[in-house]
Amino acid sequence: MINHHGEVSYKKIYGMVEFYLSSQKQFTSDIQSHYIYSPRKLTRWVRGIHQSIKPLETLSLKGLVRIWAHKALMLFSDRLVDQEEKEWTNEQMNSMARRHFPDLNQSKI
């Protein structure tokens, strides 16, 4: 059974909000007209994680963080136009993972 309550859930939530806000600040509609952020993005991120873990019987913390990061990059990086923007997004995701999940071996995420 998958059970990631408590501290892990809070770390995931804080990381999600922090990543969302930093992306929203970095990529505005002044840069590209389709760079519009709404709380709906956070909902899509949560739903994507939920759909990925729902059929699983077990899930390690490392697996959860990998899904967390993968779904974020699907939502936030895929829509970016420039390679520099995508690199910034990848760096931000790595930074959030290191900050909110410091006990994980980041090279394997």
PDB file of N, CA and C in Angstrom:
ATOM      1  N   MET A   1       0.838  -1.186   0.000  1.00  0.00           N
ATOM      2  CA  MET A   1       0.000   0.000   0.000  1.00  0.00           C
ATOM      3  C   MET A   1       0.879   1.245   0.000  1.00  0.00           C
ATOM      4  N   ILE A   2       0.486   2.219  -0.760  1.00  0.00           N
ATOM      5  CA  ILE A   2       1.237   3.466  -0.845  1.00  0.00           C
ATOM      6  C   ILE A   2       0.755   4.387   0.262  1.00  0.00           C
ATOM      7  N   ASN A   3       1.691   4.884   1.039  1.00  0.00           N
ATOM      8  CA  ASN A   3       1.340   5.747   2.156  1.00  0.00           C
ATOM      9  C   ASN A   3       2.410   6.817   2.304  1.00  0.00           C
ATOM     10  N   HIS A   4       2.189   7.964   1.722  1.00  0.00           N
ATOM     11  CA  HIS A   4       3.144   9.069   1.799  1.00  0.00           C
ATOM     12  C   HIS A   4       2.461  10.272   2.439  1.00  0.00           C
ATOM     13  N   HIS A   5       2.145  10.134   3.681  1.00  0.00           N
ATOM     14  CA  HIS A   5       1.497  11.228   4.398  1.00  0.00           C
ATOM     15  C   HIS A   5       2.535  11.982   5.211  1.00  0.00           C
ATOM     16  N   GLY A   6       2.069  12.946   5.915  1.00  0.00           N
ATOM     17  CA  GLY A   6       2.931  13.645   6.848  1.00  0.00           C
ATOM     18  C   GLY A   6       3.991  14.478   6.172  1.00  0.00           C
ATOM     19  N   GLU A   7       5.202  14.359   6.689  1.00  0.00           N
ATOM     20  CA  GLU A   7       6.303  15.217   6.260  1.00  0.00           C
ATOM     21  C   GLU A   7       6.577  15.124   4.760  1.00  0.00           C
ATOM     22  N   VAL A   8       6.536  13.943   4.200  1.00  0.00           N
ATOM     23  CA  VAL A   8       6.797  13.780   2.764  1.00  0.00           C
ATOM     24  C   VAL A   8       5.748  14.525   1.943  1.00  0.00           C
ATOM     25  N   SER A   9       4.501  14.441   2.353  1.00  0.00           N
ATOM     26  CA  SER A   9       3.437  15.145   1.625  1.00  0.00           C
ATOM     27  C   SER A   9       3.648  16.647   1.669  1.00  0.00           C
ATOM     28  N   TYR A  10       4.014  17.151   2.839  1.00  0.00           N
ATOM     29  CA  TYR A  10       4.254  18.591   2.946  1.00  0.00           C
ATOM     30  C   TYR A  10       5.433  19.021   2.081  1.00  0.00           C
ATOM     31  N   LYS A  11       6.494  18.235   2.063  1.00  0.00           N
ATOM     32  CA  LYS A  11       7.645  18.570   1.224  1.00  0.00           C
ATOM     33  C   LYS A  11       7.245  18.610  -0.242  1.00  0.00           C
ATOM     34  N   LYS A  12       6.450  17.654  -0.654  1.00  0.00           N
ATOM     35  CA  LYS A  12       6.003  17.593  -2.046  1.00  0.00           C
ATOM     36  C   LYS A  12       5.146  18.817  -2.378  1.00  0.00           C
ATOM     37  N   ILE A  13       4.232  19.152  -1.499  1.00  0.00           N
ATOM     38  CA  ILE A  13       3.339  20.296  -1.728  1.00  0.00           C
ATOM     39  C   ILE A  13       4.123  21.598  -1.771  1.00  0.00           C
ATOM     40  N   TYR A  14       4.996  21.821  -0.780  1.00  0.00           N
ATOM     41  CA  TYR A  14       5.780  23.055  -0.757  1.00  0.00           C
ATOM     42  C   TYR A  14       6.677  23.155  -1.988  1.00  0.00           C
ATOM     43  N   GLY A  15       7.252  22.038  -2.389  1.00  0.00           N
ATOM     44  CA  GLY A  15       8.083  22.033  -3.588  1.00  0.00           C
ATOM     45  C   GLY A  15       7.288  22.363  -4.834  1.00  0.00           C
ATOM     46  N   MET A  16       6.080  21.845  -4.914  1.00  0.00           N
ATOM     47  CA  MET A  16       5.226  22.109  -6.070  1.00  0.00           C
ATOM     48  C   MET A  16       4.871  23.590  -6.158  1.00  0.00           C
ATOM     49  N   VAL A  17       4.458  24.152  -5.050  1.00  0.00           N
ATOM     50  CA  VAL A  17       4.062  25.562  -5.044  1.00  0.00           C
ATOM     51  C   VAL A  17       5.272  26.452  -5.333  1.00  0.00           C
ATOM     52  N   GLU A  18       6.401  26.139  -4.731  1.00  0.00           N
ATOM     53  CA  GLU A  18       7.612  26.922  -4.965  1.00  0.00           C
ATOM     54  C   GLU A  18       8.023  26.861  -6.438  1.00  0.00           C
ATOM     55  N   PHE A  19       7.993  25.678  -7.022  1.00  0.00           N
ATOM     56  CA  PHE A  19       8.353  25.519  -8.431  1.00  0.00           C
ATOM     57  C   PHE A  19       7.370  26.281  -9.327  1.00  0.00           C
ATOM     58  N   TYR A  20       6.095  26.153  -9.051  1.00  0.00           N
ATOM     59  CA  TYR A  20       5.062  26.850  -9.824  1.00  0.00           C
ATOM     60  C   TYR A  20       5.293  28.365  -9.785  1.00  0.00           C
ATOM     61  N   LEU A  21       5.505  28.906  -8.582  1.00  0.00           N
ATOM     62  CA  LEU A  21       5.677  30.351  -8.441  1.00  0.00           C
ATOM     63  C   LEU A  21       6.950  30.845  -9.125  1.00  0.00           C
ATOM     64  N   SER A  22       8.030  30.087  -9.029  1.00  0.00           N
ATOM     65  CA  SER A  22       9.267  30.516  -9.691  1.00  0.00           C
ATOM     66  C   SER A  22       9.110  30.467 -11.211  1.00  0.00           C
ATOM     67  N   SER A  23       8.421  29.470 -11.728  1.00  0.00           N
ATOM     68  CA  SER A  23       8.172  29.390 -13.173  1.00  0.00           C
ATOM     69  C   SER A  23       7.258  30.518 -13.631  1.00  0.00           C
ATOM     70  N   GLN A  24       6.246  30.786 -12.849  1.00  0.00           N
ATOM     71  CA  GLN A  24       5.305  31.859 -13.184  1.00  0.00           C
ATOM     72  C   GLN A  24       6.026  33.208 -13.242  1.00  0.00           C
ATOM     73  N   LYS A  25       6.940  33.414 -12.324  1.00  0.00           N
ATOM     74  CA  LYS A  25       7.694  34.670 -12.284  1.00  0.00           C
ATOM     75  C   LYS A  25       8.678  34.760 -13.452  1.00  0.00           C
ATOM     76  N   GLN A  26       9.303  33.646 -13.786  1.00  0.00           N
ATOM     77  CA  GLN A  26      10.333  33.612 -14.829  1.00  0.00           C
ATOM     78  C   GLN A  26       9.747  33.728 -16.236  1.00  0.00           C
ATOM     79  N   PHE A  27       8.631  33.072 -16.480  1.00  0.00           N
ATOM     80  CA  PHE A  27       8.075  32.993 -17.833  1.00  0.00           C
ATOM     81  C   PHE A  27       6.713  33.681 -17.885  1.00  0.00           C
ATOM     82  N   THR A  28       6.723  34.894 -18.345  1.00  0.00           N
ATOM     83  CA  THR A  28       5.496  35.688 -18.395  1.00  0.00           C
ATOM     84  C   THR A  28       4.959  35.739 -19.826  1.00  0.00           C
ATOM     85  N   SER A  29       3.747  36.199 -19.947  1.00  0.00           N
ATOM     86  CA  SER A  29       3.146  36.319 -21.279  1.00  0.00           C
ATOM     87  C   SER A  29       3.814  37.427 -22.092  1.00  0.00           C
ATOM     88  N   ASP A  30       4.637  38.258 -21.455  1.00  0.00           N
ATOM     89  CA  ASP A  30       5.411  39.252 -22.205  1.00  0.00           C
ATOM     90  C   ASP A  30       6.478  38.572 -23.065  1.00  0.00           C
ATOM     91  N   ILE A  31       6.950  37.415 -22.619  1.00  0.00           N
ATOM     92  CA  ILE A  31       7.973  36.665 -23.354  1.00  0.00           C
ATOM     93  C   ILE A  31       7.326  35.894 -24.503  1.00  0.00           C
ATOM     94  N   GLN A  32       6.294  35.139 -24.182  1.00  0.00           N
ATOM     95  CA  GLN A  32       5.519  34.368 -25.160  1.00  0.00           C
ATOM     96  C   GLN A  32       4.055  34.464 -24.741  1.00  0.00           C
ATOM     97  N   SER A  33       3.183  34.655 -25.682  1.00  0.00           N
ATOM     98  CA  SER A  33       1.767  34.859 -25.347  1.00  0.00           C
ATOM     99  C   SER A  33       1.138  33.650 -24.662  1.00  0.00           C
ATOM    100  N   HIS A  34       1.665  32.454 -24.892  1.00  0.00           N
ATOM    101  CA  HIS A  34       1.074  31.258 -24.282  1.00  0.00           C
ATOM    102  C   HIS A  34       1.671  30.929 -22.912  1.00  0.00           C
ATOM    103  N   TYR A  35       2.564  31.763 -22.402  1.00  0.00           N
ATOM    104  CA  TYR A  35       3.127  31.546 -21.066  1.00  0.00           C
ATOM    105  C   TYR A  35       2.177  32.133 -20.024  1.00  0.00           C
ATOM    106  N   ILE A  36       1.061  31.487 -19.867  1.00  0.00           N
ATOM    107  CA  ILE A  36       0.045  31.913 -18.902  1.00  0.00           C
ATOM    108  C   ILE A  36      -0.054  30.841 -17.828  1.00  0.00           C
ATOM    109  N   TYR A  37      -0.005  31.265 -16.586  1.00  0.00           N
ATOM    110  CA  TYR A  37      -0.050  30.332 -15.459  1.00  0.00           C
ATOM    111  C   TYR A  37      -1.316  30.563 -14.655  1.00  0.00           C
ATOM    112  N   SER A  38      -1.937  29.482 -14.270  1.00  0.00           N
ATOM    113  CA  SER A  38      -3.097  29.549 -13.386  1.00  0.00           C
ATOM    114  C   SER A  38      -2.982  28.391 -12.399  1.00  0.00           C
ATOM    115  N   PRO A  39      -3.710  28.464 -11.298  1.00  0.00           N
ATOM    116  CA  PRO A  39      -3.680  27.361 -10.333  1.00  0.00           C
ATOM    117  C   PRO A  39      -4.093  26.020 -10.947  1.00  0.00           C
ATOM    118  N   ARG A  40      -4.736  26.068 -12.084  1.00  0.00           N
ATOM    119  CA  ARG A  40      -5.126  24.834 -12.774  1.00  0.00           C
ATOM    120  C   ARG A  40      -3.904  23.970 -13.102  1.00  0.00           C
ATOM    121  N   LYS A  41      -2.755  24.620 -13.332  1.00  0.00           N
ATOM    122  CA  LYS A  41      -1.521  23.865 -13.593  1.00  0.00           C
ATOM    123  C   LYS A  41      -1.165  22.989 -12.399  1.00  0.00           C
ATOM    124  N   LEU A  42      -1.323  23.526 -11.197  1.00  0.00           N
ATOM    125  CA  LEU A  42      -1.048  22.730  -9.996  1.00  0.00           C
ATOM    126  C   LEU A  42      -2.004  21.554  -9.906  1.00  0.00           C
ATOM    127  N   THR A  43      -3.259  21.787 -10.251  1.00  0.00           N
ATOM    128  CA  THR A  43      -4.250  20.711 -10.236  1.00  0.00           C
ATOM    129  C   THR A  43      -3.871  19.623 -11.237  1.00  0.00           C
ATOM    130  N   ARG A  44      -3.449  20.023 -12.422  1.00  0.00           N
ATOM    131  CA  ARG A  44      -3.034  19.038 -13.433  1.00  0.00           C
ATOM    132  C   ARG A  44      -1.822  18.238 -12.956  1.00  0.00           C
ATOM    133  N   TRP A  45      -0.922  18.917 -12.259  1.00  0.00           N
ATOM    134  CA  TRP A  45       0.267  18.247 -11.736  1.00  0.00           C
ATOM    135  C   TRP A  45      -0.132  17.191 -10.708  1.00  0.00           C
ATOM    136  N   VAL A  46      -1.001  17.568  -9.787  1.00  0.00           N
ATOM    137  CA  VAL A  46      -1.468  16.626  -8.759  1.00  0.00           C
ATOM    138  C   VAL A  46      -2.210  15.461  -9.406  1.00  0.00           C
ATOM    139  N   ARG A  47      -3.071  15.758 -10.357  1.00  0.00           N
ATOM    140  CA  ARG A  47      -3.811  14.685 -11.044  1.00  0.00           C
ATOM    141  C   ARG A  47      -2.879  13.739 -11.788  1.00  0.00           C
ATOM    142  N   GLY A  48      -1.861  14.293 -12.414  1.00  0.00           N
ATOM    143  CA  GLY A  48      -0.894  13.459 -13.119  1.00  0.00           C
ATOM    144  C   GLY A  48      -0.163  12.517 -12.181  1.00  0.00           C
ATOM    145  N   ILE A  49       0.221  13.028 -11.023  1.00  0.00           N
ATOM    146  CA  ILE A  49       0.874  12.185 -10.021  1.00  0.00           C
ATOM    147  C   ILE A  49      -0.095  11.116  -9.546  1.00  0.00           C
ATOM    148  N   HIS A  50      -1.311  11.533  -9.248  1.00  0.00           N
ATOM    149  CA  HIS A  50      -2.314  10.586  -8.750  1.00  0.00           C
ATOM    150  C   HIS A  50      -2.570   9.466  -9.759  1.00  0.00           C
ATOM    151  N   GLN A  51      -2.738   9.825 -11.018  1.00  0.00           N
ATOM    152  CA  GLN A  51      -2.988   8.813 -12.046  1.00  0.00           C
ATOM    153  C   GLN A  51      -1.811   7.856 -12.198  1.00  0.00           C
ATOM    154  N   SER A  52      -0.616   8.354 -11.964  1.00  0.00           N
ATOM    155  CA  SER A  52       0.574   7.505 -12.092  1.00  0.00           C
ATOM    156  C   SER A  52       0.728   6.535 -10.931  1.00  0.00           C
ATOM    157  N   ILE A  53       0.355   6.977  -9.733  1.00  0.00           N
ATOM    158  CA  ILE A  53       0.582   6.112  -8.569  1.00  0.00           C
ATOM    159  C   ILE A  53      -0.631   5.274  -8.190  1.00  0.00           C
ATOM    160  N   LYS A  54      -1.798   5.646  -8.689  1.00  0.00           N
ATOM    161  CA  LYS A  54      -3.027   4.945  -8.310  1.00  0.00           C
ATOM    162  C   LYS A  54      -2.969   3.435  -8.550  1.00  0.00           C
ATOM    163  N   PRO A  55      -2.479   2.962  -9.696  1.00  0.00           N
ATOM    164  CA  PRO A  55      -2.481   1.509  -9.921  1.00  0.00           C
ATOM    165  C   PRO A  55      -1.361   0.758  -9.192  1.00  0.00           C
ATOM    166  N   LEU A  56      -0.452   1.477  -8.561  1.00  0.00           N
ATOM    167  CA  LEU A  56       0.692   0.828  -7.922  1.00  0.00           C
ATOM    168  C   LEU A  56       0.339   0.294  -6.542  1.00  0.00           C
ATOM    169  N   GLU A  57       0.902  -0.836  -6.211  1.00  0.00           N
ATOM    170  CA  GLU A  57       0.710  -1.401  -4.873  1.00  0.00           C
ATOM    171  C   GLU A  57       1.734  -0.854  -3.898  1.00  0.00           C
ATOM    172  N   THR A  58       2.940  -0.620  -4.373  1.00  0.00           N
ATOM    173  CA  THR A  58       3.989  -0.035  -3.542  1.00  0.00           C
ATOM    174  C   THR A  58       4.707   1.039  -4.340  1.00  0.00           C
ATOM    175  N   LEU A  59       5.325   1.943  -3.616  1.00  0.00           N
ATOM    176  CA  LEU A  59       6.070   3.021  -4.258  1.00  0.00           C
ATOM    177  C   LEU A  59       7.080   3.556  -3.261  1.00  0.00           C
ATOM    178  N   SER A  60       8.327   3.600  -3.665  1.00  0.00           N
ATOM    179  CA  SER A  60       9.370   4.152  -2.801  1.00  0.00           C
ATOM    180  C   SER A  60       9.321   5.673  -2.863  1.00  0.00           C
ATOM    181  N   LEU A  61       9.973   6.304  -1.912  1.00  0.00           N
ATOM    182  CA  LEU A  61      10.051   7.760  -1.924  1.00  0.00           C
ATOM    183  C   LEU A  61      10.774   8.229  -3.179  1.00  0.00           C
ATOM    184  N   LYS A  62      11.840   7.539  -3.550  1.00  0.00           N
ATOM    185  CA  LYS A  62      12.570   7.897  -4.765  1.00  0.00           C
ATOM    186  C   LYS A  62      11.649   7.809  -5.985  1.00  0.00           C
ATOM    187  N   GLY A  63      10.828   6.777  -6.047  1.00  0.00           N
ATOM    188  CA  GLY A  63       9.888   6.631  -7.150  1.00  0.00           C
ATOM    189  C   GLY A  63       8.868   7.750  -7.183  1.00  0.00           C
ATOM    190  N   LEU A  64       8.383   8.132  -6.015  1.00  0.00           N
ATOM    191  CA  LEU A  64       7.418   9.228  -5.931  1.00  0.00           C
ATOM    192  C   LEU A  64       8.042  10.533  -6.412  1.00  0.00           C
ATOM    193  N   VAL A  65       9.254  10.809  -5.983  1.00  0.00           N
ATOM    194  CA  VAL A  65       9.921  12.050  -6.386  1.00  0.00           C
ATOM    195  C   VAL A  65      10.208  12.038  -7.887  1.00  0.00           C
ATOM    196  N   ARG A  66      10.545  10.893  -8.433  1.00  0.00           N
ATOM    197  CA  ARG A  66      10.764  10.802  -9.886  1.00  0.00           C
ATOM    198  C   ARG A  66       9.476  11.104 -10.650  1.00  0.00           C
ATOM    199  N   ILE A  67       8.358  10.570 -10.192  1.00  0.00           N
ATOM    200  CA  ILE A  67       7.064  10.858 -10.829  1.00  0.00           C
ATOM    201  C   ILE A  67       6.723  12.332 -10.666  1.00  0.00           C
ATOM    202  N   TRP A  68       6.930  12.860  -9.471  1.00  0.00           N
ATOM    203  CA  TRP A  68       6.688  14.271  -9.155  1.00  0.00           C
ATOM    204  C   TRP A  68       7.447  15.163 -10.136  1.00  0.00           C
ATOM    205  N   ALA A  69       8.736  14.893 -10.337  1.00  0.00           N
ATOM    206  CA  ALA A  69       9.563  15.700 -11.233  1.00  0.00           C
ATOM    207  C   ALA A  69       9.159  15.493 -12.698  1.00  0.00           C
ATOM    208  N   HIS A  70       8.907  14.254 -13.076  1.00  0.00           N
ATOM    209  CA  HIS A  70       8.536  13.953 -14.463  1.00  0.00           C
ATOM    210  C   HIS A  70       7.244  14.674 -14.858  1.00  0.00           C
ATOM    211  N   LYS A  71       6.254  14.615 -14.011  1.00  0.00           N
ATOM    212  CA  LYS A  71       4.977  15.271 -14.325  1.00  0.00           C
ATOM    213  C   LYS A  71       5.146  16.780 -14.396  1.00  0.00           C
ATOM    214  N   ALA A  72       5.993  17.335 -13.552  1.00  0.00           N
ATOM    215  CA  ALA A  72       6.247  18.779 -13.601  1.00  0.00           C
ATOM    216  C   ALA A  72       6.895  19.163 -14.920  1.00  0.00           C
ATOM    217  N   LEU A  73       7.890  18.400 -15.327  1.00  0.00           N
ATOM    218  CA  LEU A  73       8.575  18.726 -16.572  1.00  0.00           C
ATOM    219  C   LEU A  73       7.651  18.568 -17.769  1.00  0.00           C
ATOM    220  N   MET A  74       6.750  17.603 -17.720  1.00  0.00           N
ATOM    221  CA  MET A  74       5.764  17.459 -18.799  1.00  0.00           C
ATOM    222  C   MET A  74       4.887  18.703 -18.897  1.00  0.00           C
ATOM    223  N   LEU A  75       4.452  19.212 -17.769  1.00  0.00           N
ATOM    224  CA  LEU A  75       3.545  20.360 -17.757  1.00  0.00           C
ATOM    225  C   LEU A  75       4.244  21.686 -18.030  1.00  0.00           C
ATOM    226  N   PHE A  76       5.421  21.853 -17.460  1.00  0.00           N
ATOM    227  CA  PHE A  76       6.062  23.160 -17.501  1.00  0.00           C
ATOM    228  C   PHE A  76       7.121  23.291 -18.596  1.00  0.00           C
ATOM    229  N   SER A  77       7.891  22.267 -18.849  1.00  0.00           N
ATOM    230  CA  SER A  77       9.002  22.373 -19.796  1.00  0.00           C
ATOM    231  C   SER A  77       8.563  22.161 -21.238  1.00  0.00           C
ATOM    232  N   ASP A  78       7.641  21.268 -21.462  1.00  0.00           N
ATOM    233  CA  ASP A  78       7.236  20.941 -22.834  1.00  0.00           C
ATOM    234  C   ASP A  78       6.673  22.135 -23.595  1.00  0.00           C
ATOM    235  N   ARG A  79       6.116  23.087 -22.901  1.00  0.00           N
ATOM    236  CA  ARG A  79       5.506  24.227 -23.577  1.00  0.00           C
ATOM    237  C   ARG A  79       6.478  25.368 -23.844  1.00  0.00           C
ATOM    238  N   LEU A  80       7.688  25.262 -23.295  1.00  0.00           N
ATOM    239  CA  LEU A  80       8.668  26.330 -23.453  1.00  0.00           C
ATOM    240  C   LEU A  80       9.267  26.307 -24.851  1.00  0.00           C
ATOM    241  N   VAL A  81       9.632  27.482 -25.337  1.00  0.00           N
ATOM    242  CA  VAL A  81      10.093  27.637 -26.707  1.00  0.00           C
ATOM    243  C   VAL A  81      11.608  27.477 -26.822  1.00  0.00           C
ATOM    244  N   ASP A  82      12.342  28.154 -25.979  1.00  0.00           N
ATOM    245  CA  ASP A  82      13.800  28.178 -26.082  1.00  0.00           C
ATOM    246  C   ASP A  82      14.459  27.096 -25.239  1.00  0.00           C
ATOM    247  N   GLN A  83      15.591  26.613 -25.735  1.00  0.00           N
ATOM    248  CA  GLN A  83      16.353  25.602 -25.000  1.00  0.00           C
ATOM    249  C   GLN A  83      16.832  26.151 -23.653  1.00  0.00           C
ATOM    250  N   GLU A  84      17.208  27.417 -23.602  1.00  0.00           N
ATOM    251  CA  GLU A  84      17.646  28.035 -22.344  1.00  0.00           C
ATOM    252  C   GLU A  84      16.526  28.003 -21.304  1.00  0.00           C
ATOM    253  N   GLU A  85      15.310  28.222 -21.736  1.00  0.00           N
ATOM    254  CA  GLU A  85      14.169  28.174 -20.818  1.00  0.00           C
ATOM    255  C   GLU A  85      13.972  26.759 -20.284  1.00  0.00           C
ATOM    256  N   LYS A  86      14.132  25.787 -21.150  1.00  0.00           N
ATOM    257  CA  LYS A  86      13.992  24.388 -20.728  1.00  0.00           C
ATOM    258  C   LYS A  86      15.098  24.005 -19.757  1.00  0.00           C
ATOM    259  N   GLU A  87      16.313  24.472 -20.019  1.00  0.00           N
ATOM    260  CA  GLU A  87      17.422  24.195 -19.109  1.00  0.00           C
ATOM    261  C   GLU A  87      17.179  24.843 -17.751  1.00  0.00           C
ATOM    262  N   TRP A  88      16.685  26.083 -17.752  1.00  0.00           N
ATOM    263  CA  TRP A  88      16.366  26.762 -16.495  1.00  0.00           C
ATOM    264  C   TRP A  88      15.335  25.948 -15.715  1.00  0.00           C
ATOM    265  N   THR A  89      14.323  25.454 -16.404  1.00  0.00           N
ATOM    266  CA  THR A  89      13.270  24.673 -15.763  1.00  0.00           C
ATOM    267  C   THR A  89      13.830  23.381 -15.180  1.00  0.00           C
ATOM    268  N   ASN A  90      14.685  22.697 -15.922  1.00  0.00           N
ATOM    269  CA  ASN A  90      15.312  21.480 -15.400  1.00  0.00           C
ATOM    270  C   ASN A  90      16.149  21.775 -14.164  1.00  0.00           C
ATOM    271  N   GLU A  91      16.904  22.864 -14.206  1.00  0.00           N
ATOM    272  CA  GLU A  91      17.722  23.247 -13.056  1.00  0.00           C
ATOM    273  C   GLU A  91      16.850  23.572 -11.849  1.00  0.00           C
ATOM    274  N   GLN A  92      15.747  24.269 -12.088  1.00  0.00           N
ATOM    275  CA  GLN A  92      14.830  24.586 -10.987  1.00  0.00           C
ATOM    276  C   GLN A  92      14.242  23.322 -10.374  1.00  0.00           C
ATOM    277  N   MET A  93      13.862  22.379 -11.211  1.00  0.00           N
ATOM    278  CA  MET A  93      13.293  21.129 -10.698  1.00  0.00           C
ATOM    279  C   MET A  93      14.330  20.378  -9.875  1.00  0.00           C
ATOM    280  N   ASN A  94      15.562  20.308 -10.367  1.00  0.00           N
ATOM    281  CA  ASN A  94      16.621  19.653  -9.602  1.00  0.00           C
ATOM    282  C   ASN A  94      16.861  20.360  -8.277  1.00  0.00           C
ATOM    283  N   SER A  95      16.835  21.674  -8.307  1.00  0.00           N
ATOM    284  CA  SER A  95      17.027  22.455  -7.085  1.00  0.00           C
ATOM    285  C   SER A  95      15.908  22.193  -6.077  1.00  0.00           C
ATOM    286  N   MET A  96      14.674  22.147  -6.553  1.00  0.00           N
ATOM    287  CA  MET A  96      13.532  21.875  -5.666  1.00  0.00           C
ATOM    288  C   MET A  96      13.640  20.475  -5.070  1.00  0.00           C
ATOM    289  N   ALA A  97      14.020  19.517  -5.880  1.00  0.00           N
ATOM    290  CA  ALA A  97      14.158  18.142  -5.384  1.00  0.00           C
ATOM    291  C   ALA A  97      15.248  18.062  -4.322  1.00  0.00           C
ATOM    292  N   ARG A  98      16.377  18.720  -4.564  1.00  0.00           N
ATOM    293  CA  ARG A  98      17.461  18.714  -3.566  1.00  0.00           C
ATOM    294  C   ARG A  98      17.038  19.404  -2.276  1.00  0.00           C
ATOM    295  N   ARG A  99      16.329  20.517  -2.413  1.00  0.00           N
ATOM    296  CA  ARG A  99      15.934  21.291  -1.237  1.00  0.00           C
ATOM    297  C   ARG A  99      14.852  20.580  -0.418  1.00  0.00           C
ATOM    298  N   HIS A 100      13.878  20.005  -1.077  1.00  0.00           N
ATOM    299  CA  HIS A 100      12.741  19.424  -0.361  1.00  0.00           C
ATOM    300  C   HIS A 100      12.910  17.943  -0.041  1.00  0.00           C
ATOM    301  N   PHE A 101      13.834  17.286  -0.723  1.00  0.00           N
ATOM    302  CA  PHE A 101      14.100  15.863  -0.469  1.00  0.00           C
ATOM    303  C   PHE A 101      15.611  15.648  -0.367  1.00  0.00           C
ATOM    304  N   PRO A 102      16.254  16.273   0.624  1.00  0.00           N
ATOM    305  CA  PRO A 102      17.719  16.239   0.707  1.00  0.00           C
ATOM    306  C   PRO A 102      18.301  14.856   0.995  1.00  0.00           C
ATOM    307  N   ASP A 103      17.520  13.946   1.527  1.00  0.00           N
ATOM    308  CA  ASP A 103      18.036  12.627   1.882  1.00  0.00           C
ATOM    309  C   ASP A 103      18.123  11.670   0.698  1.00  0.00           C
ATOM    310  N   LEU A 104      17.555  12.044  -0.430  1.00  0.00           N
ATOM    311  CA  LEU A 104      17.583  11.169  -1.607  1.00  0.00           C
ATOM    312  C   LEU A 104      18.875  11.349  -2.386  1.00  0.00           C
ATOM    313  N   ASN A 105      19.312  10.289  -3.021  1.00  0.00           N
ATOM    314  CA  ASN A 105      20.459  10.346  -3.910  1.00  0.00           C
ATOM    315  C   ASN A 105      19.991  11.012  -5.199  1.00  0.00           C
ATOM    316  N   GLN A 106      20.318  12.278  -5.359  1.00  0.00           N
ATOM    317  CA  GLN A 106      19.792  13.064  -6.468  1.00  0.00           C
ATOM    318  C   GLN A 106      20.271  12.582  -7.831  1.00  0.00           C
ATOM    319  N   SER A 107      21.396  11.915  -7.884  1.00  0.00           N
ATOM    320  CA  SER A 107      21.892  11.461  -9.181  1.00  0.00           C
ATOM    321  C   SER A 107      21.013  10.368  -9.774  1.00  0.00           C
ATOM    322  N   LYS A 108      20.194   9.745  -8.959  1.00  0.00           N
ATOM    323  CA  LYS A 108      19.347   8.652  -9.443  1.00  0.00           C
ATOM    324  C   LYS A 108      17.904   9.076  -9.666  1.00  0.00           C
ATOM    325  N   ILE A 109      17.623  10.352  -9.536  1.00  0.00           N
ATOM    326  CA  ILE A 109      16.254  10.842  -9.735  1.00  0.00           C
ATOM    327  C   ILE A 109      16.084  11.270 -11.171  1.00  0.00           C
TER     328      ILE A 109
END
